[in-house]
Amino acid sequence: MEIDVLNLYDRLKGCPLFDGIARTDFDALLSYAHARMRTFEEGEAIAGTSEDRAHQTVGIIARGAAVLYAHDEKKHSYELERYTVGDVVANGFFYLADIGSDLQLMAKEALSIVGLDADRLYETRSNSGAHLEQTRARFVSNMAKAIADQQKEMLRHLSILATRTTQEKILRFLYAYAHDTSSLSFTLPFSRQQMADYLCVDRSAMCTELYKLRAQGKLKVNMRHFELPPQSA
C-alpha cells in the first residue's frame, strides 16, 4: 500500500522512536528501508506475509492500537500487552502461530503498521552516504531504547502475573500504577473488565477481592478512584 509520508511523519514525529530525526531524514530512511503500509480492521488478527518473513520486518504502529492476547483452555481471552502509535511490533509477533502458542496479536481498533526491512536497517556496511548512515544509526539507537522500554513494561506485567493470589495481583498492580503517577491517590483510566483482563483474572472474582481488600483496610476504592496506604519498609 502506498504510504502518505507527510501524514505519517506528522503522526510519528513526536514518538521517541524518531527523536532527533528531521522530516527529510525521515523520508530518506523510510525509502531506504523499503517502507510499506499494512492496514487491519478492528478485531482482525495480525499475521505476517512472505515478505515480512523474508526481510525480518520491523513493524511500527502508525495508527490505532494492537493487543497481545492469551487464550486459556476455556477460550477466555486475557490482555497481556497493548501497543499504540510509535510502538515497535517486531517480526516475531507476526508469527505467533508458528510456535503453537495460545497467544494472538489483534487490532484493537482500525490499525496501520509501517513495515521496514530489518536487514536494511541493521546492515553493517552500505553505500547510502554518510548523512543517511547517521540517520540510520540514530534510528536503530532509538529503536533499541524503545524495545528495552517495552520489555521493561512486559517484565513488570509478568511480575504482577507471577504473584500467587488475586489479592496480590491487585495490590502489586495498584502500587505499580501509584509509582508511575507518583501518588497513592489516583483514578484508573480504564474499566474493571480491562483491569481484570490485564491481571488475567475473572472480573467478578477480582471485584470480590477488591471488596475484601477494602474491608481489610488495605485500600479505598470508589468506582475507578483508588487510595492506597503507604507501603511498609
Protein backbone atom coordinates (compact mmCIF):
# COMPACT_ATOMS: atom_id res chain seq x y z
CA MET A 1 0.00 0.00 0.00
CA GLU A 2 1.37 3.43 -0.93
CA ILE A 3 2.42 5.46 2.08
CA ASP A 4 1.34 9.05 2.68
CA VAL A 5 4.73 10.13 4.03
CA LEU A 6 3.63 13.62 5.07
CA ASN A 7 0.75 12.26 7.12
CA LEU A 8 2.95 9.52 8.53
CA TYR A 9 5.63 11.97 9.67
CA ASP A 10 3.01 14.11 11.38
CA ARG A 11 1.76 11.03 13.23
CA LEU A 12 5.17 9.76 14.33
CA LYS A 13 7.41 12.81 14.73
CA GLY A 14 6.65 13.11 18.45
CA CYS A 15 7.43 9.45 19.18
CA PRO A 16 10.73 8.58 20.92
CA LEU A 17 11.46 6.24 18.00
CA PHE A 18 12.08 9.24 15.74
CA ASP A 19 13.70 11.53 18.28
CA GLY A 20 16.31 13.70 16.57
CA ILE A 21 15.24 12.70 13.05
CA ALA A 22 14.13 15.57 10.80
CA ARG A 23 11.45 15.36 8.14
CA THR A 24 13.82 14.98 5.17
CA ASP A 25 15.84 12.35 7.00
CA PHE A 26 12.62 10.52 7.91
CA ASP A 27 11.64 10.33 4.24
CA ALA A 28 15.08 9.07 3.23
CA LEU A 29 15.13 6.43 5.98
CA LEU A 30 11.73 5.04 5.03
CA SER A 31 12.70 4.87 1.37
CA TYR A 32 15.98 3.12 2.18
CA ALA A 33 14.26 0.56 4.43
CA HIS A 34 11.63 -0.23 1.75
CA ALA A 35 8.76 1.05 3.91
CA ARG A 36 5.32 -0.36 3.22
CA MET A 37 1.98 0.08 4.94
CA ARG A 38 -0.45 -2.61 6.02
CA THR A 39 -3.88 -1.97 7.48
CA PHE A 40 -6.08 -4.13 9.71
CA GLU A 41 -9.70 -3.81 10.74
CA GLU A 42 -10.79 -3.78 14.38
CA GLY A 43 -10.69 -7.32 15.75
CA GLU A 44 -8.55 -8.65 12.89
CA ALA A 45 -5.64 -10.94 13.74
CA ILE A 46 -2.26 -9.52 12.75
CA ALA A 47 -0.32 -12.00 10.67
CA GLY A 48 2.78 -11.63 8.58
CA THR A 49 3.29 -12.04 4.86
CA SER A 50 6.01 -13.88 3.00
CA GLU A 51 7.72 -10.51 2.52
CA ASP A 52 7.69 -9.88 6.27
CA ARG A 53 9.31 -13.25 6.85
CA ALA A 54 11.92 -12.83 4.13
CA HIS A 55 13.12 -9.46 5.37
CA GLN A 56 12.61 -9.83 9.13
CA THR A 57 10.19 -6.93 9.19
CA VAL A 58 10.23 -4.30 11.90
CA GLY A 59 6.68 -3.04 12.29
CA ILE A 60 5.84 0.41 13.65
CA ILE A 61 2.29 1.26 14.61
CA ALA A 62 1.27 4.41 12.77
CA ARG A 63 -2.43 4.43 13.65
CA GLY A 64 -4.66 2.67 16.16
CA ALA A 65 -3.67 0.04 18.72
CA ALA A 66 -2.81 -3.64 18.84
CA VAL A 67 -3.29 -6.01 21.76
CA LEU A 68 -1.46 -9.21 22.59
CA TYR A 69 -3.98 -11.71 23.94
CA ALA A 70 -3.55 -15.02 25.73
CA HIS A 71 -6.32 -17.62 25.46
CA ASP A 72 -6.93 -20.25 28.13
CA GLU A 73 -8.39 -23.73 27.75
CA LYS A 74 -11.90 -22.32 28.20
CA LYS A 75 -11.31 -19.91 25.32
CA HIS A 76 -11.29 -16.90 27.61
CA SER A 77 -9.08 -14.08 26.35
CA TYR A 78 -6.76 -12.03 28.54
CA GLU A 79 -4.98 -8.87 27.50
CA LEU A 80 -1.23 -9.21 28.08
CA GLU A 81 0.17 -6.13 26.39
CA ARG A 82 -1.09 -3.19 24.36
CA TYR A 83 0.83 -1.42 21.61
CA THR A 84 -0.04 2.07 20.38
CA VAL A 85 1.24 4.65 17.90
CA GLY A 86 5.04 4.67 17.76
CA ASP A 87 5.47 1.26 19.37
CA VAL A 88 7.58 -1.40 17.68
CA VAL A 89 5.98 -4.69 16.71
CA ALA A 90 8.86 -6.97 15.81
CA ASN A 91 8.71 -9.71 13.20
CA GLY A 92 8.26 -12.47 15.76
CA PHE A 93 4.86 -11.13 16.77
CA PHE A 94 3.63 -11.72 13.21
CA TYR A 95 4.27 -15.46 13.55
CA LEU A 96 3.00 -16.41 16.99
CA ALA A 97 1.14 -19.37 15.47
CA ASP A 98 4.46 -20.86 14.34
CA ILE A 99 5.29 -21.89 17.91
CA GLY A 100 1.87 -23.41 18.56
CA SER A 101 1.10 -20.68 21.06
CA ASP A 102 -2.20 -19.58 22.53
CA LEU A 103 -1.05 -16.00 22.04
CA GLN A 104 -2.59 -13.78 19.40
CA LEU A 105 -1.85 -10.22 18.30
CA MET A 106 -5.00 -8.42 17.21
CA ALA A 107 -6.07 -4.96 16.11
CA LYS A 108 -7.89 -3.28 18.99
CA GLU A 109 -9.18 -0.66 16.55
CA ALA A 110 -8.56 0.25 12.92
CA LEU A 111 -4.81 -0.23 12.66
CA SER A 112 -1.97 0.77 10.33
CA ILE A 113 1.50 -0.73 10.60
CA VAL A 114 4.54 0.51 8.69
CA GLY A 115 6.91 -2.32 7.85
CA LEU A 116 10.64 -1.69 7.46
CA ASP A 117 13.22 -4.23 6.30
CA ALA A 118 15.41 -5.10 9.27
CA ASP A 119 18.24 -6.27 7.04
CA ARG A 120 18.43 -2.75 5.55
CA LEU A 121 18.30 -1.11 8.97
CA TYR A 122 20.93 -3.34 10.58
CA GLU A 123 23.37 -3.91 7.73
CA THR A 124 26.96 -3.28 8.76
CA ARG A 125 28.05 -1.66 5.50
CA SER A 126 26.14 0.24 2.87
CA ASN A 127 26.60 2.83 0.16
CA SER A 128 23.81 5.03 1.45
CA GLY A 129 26.00 8.05 2.21
CA ALA A 130 27.30 9.49 5.46
CA HIS A 131 24.21 11.51 6.33
CA LEU A 132 21.79 8.63 5.88
CA GLU A 133 24.16 6.42 7.84
CA GLN A 134 23.91 8.86 10.74
CA THR A 135 20.12 8.85 10.49
CA ARG A 136 20.03 5.07 10.36
CA ALA A 137 22.32 4.80 13.39
CA ARG A 138 20.15 7.28 15.31
CA PHE A 139 17.00 5.36 14.44
CA VAL A 140 18.48 1.99 15.45
CA SER A 141 19.63 3.52 18.75
CA ASN A 142 16.16 4.96 19.36
CA MET A 143 14.58 1.63 18.48
CA ALA A 144 16.84 -0.28 20.88
CA LYS A 145 15.74 2.04 23.70
CA ALA A 146 12.06 1.78 22.68
CA ILE A 147 12.20 -2.02 22.67
CA ALA A 148 14.01 -2.00 26.02
CA ASP A 149 11.25 0.18 27.48
CA GLN A 150 8.59 -2.17 26.08
CA GLN A 151 10.41 -5.16 27.57
CA LYS A 152 10.65 -3.39 30.92
CA GLU A 153 6.89 -2.90 30.94
CA MET A 154 6.33 -6.51 29.91
CA LEU A 155 8.60 -7.77 32.70
CA ARG A 156 6.70 -5.68 35.21
CA HIS A 157 3.46 -7.16 33.93
CA LEU A 158 4.91 -10.66 34.26
CA SER A 159 5.99 -9.90 37.83
CA ILE A 160 2.38 -8.97 38.63
CA LEU A 161 1.01 -12.10 36.98
CA ALA A 162 3.55 -14.25 38.81
CA THR A 163 2.01 -13.49 42.20
CA ARG A 164 0.03 -16.37 43.68
CA THR A 165 -3.31 -14.82 44.62
CA THR A 166 -5.73 -12.37 43.04
CA GLN A 167 -5.31 -10.02 46.01
CA GLU A 168 -1.55 -9.97 45.50
CA LYS A 169 -2.00 -9.26 41.80
CA ILE A 170 -4.36 -6.38 42.54
CA LEU A 171 -2.10 -4.77 45.13
CA ARG A 172 1.07 -5.16 43.10
CA PHE A 173 -0.66 -3.66 40.08
CA LEU A 174 -2.12 -0.72 42.03
CA TYR A 175 1.17 0.11 43.75
CA ALA A 176 2.95 -0.04 40.40
CA TYR A 177 0.40 2.39 38.98
CA ALA A 178 0.81 4.63 42.04
CA HIS A 179 4.56 4.62 41.44
CA ASP A 180 4.02 5.74 37.83
CA THR A 181 1.71 8.57 38.88
CA SER A 182 3.80 9.49 41.96
CA SER A 183 0.64 9.43 44.05
CA LEU A 184 -1.12 6.96 46.31
CA SER A 185 -4.43 8.52 45.25
CA PHE A 186 -5.35 8.13 41.59
CA THR A 187 -8.09 7.34 39.09
CA LEU A 188 -7.60 4.46 36.69
CA PRO A 189 -8.32 5.39 33.05
CA PHE A 190 -9.92 2.04 32.23
CA SER A 191 -12.78 -0.22 33.29
CA ARG A 192 -12.94 -3.09 35.76
CA GLN A 193 -13.08 -5.52 32.83
CA GLN A 194 -9.90 -4.08 31.35
CA MET A 195 -8.21 -4.29 34.73
CA ALA A 196 -9.29 -7.92 35.08
CA ASP A 197 -8.00 -8.69 31.59
CA TYR A 198 -4.64 -7.13 32.46
CA LEU A 199 -4.44 -9.23 35.62
CA CYS A 200 -5.66 -12.36 33.77
CA VAL A 201 -8.40 -13.00 36.31
CA ASP A 202 -12.17 -13.28 36.21
CA ARG A 203 -13.85 -9.88 36.60
CA SER A 204 -16.38 -10.94 39.24
CA ALA A 205 -13.69 -12.74 41.26
CA MET A 206 -11.47 -9.64 41.07
CA CYS A 207 -14.31 -7.39 42.27
CA THR A 208 -14.92 -9.72 45.22
CA GLU A 209 -11.25 -9.45 46.20
CA LEU A 210 -11.36 -5.67 45.85
CA TYR A 211 -14.22 -5.54 48.36
CA LYS A 212 -12.25 -7.79 50.71
CA LEU A 213 -9.18 -5.56 50.44
CA ARG A 214 -11.33 -2.52 51.20
CA ALA A 215 -12.84 -4.27 54.24
CA GLN A 216 -9.33 -5.18 55.41
CA GLY A 217 -8.28 -1.51 55.19
CA LYS A 218 -5.68 -2.22 52.51
CA LEU A 219 -7.19 0.27 50.05
CA LYS A 220 -10.02 2.69 49.48
CA VAL A 221 -11.98 2.45 46.27
CA ASN A 222 -14.80 4.47 44.73
CA MET A 223 -15.61 3.45 41.17
CA ARG A 224 -12.28 3.94 39.34
CA HIS A 225 -10.67 6.01 42.09
CA PHE A 226 -8.23 4.31 44.48
CA GLU A 227 -6.36 5.38 47.59
CA LEU A 228 -3.58 3.22 48.97
CA PRO A 229 -1.80 3.34 52.32
CA PRO A 230 1.99 3.79 52.27
CA GLN A 231 3.83 0.51 51.91
CA SER A 232 5.78 -0.60 54.94
CA ALA A 233 9.53 -0.87 54.55
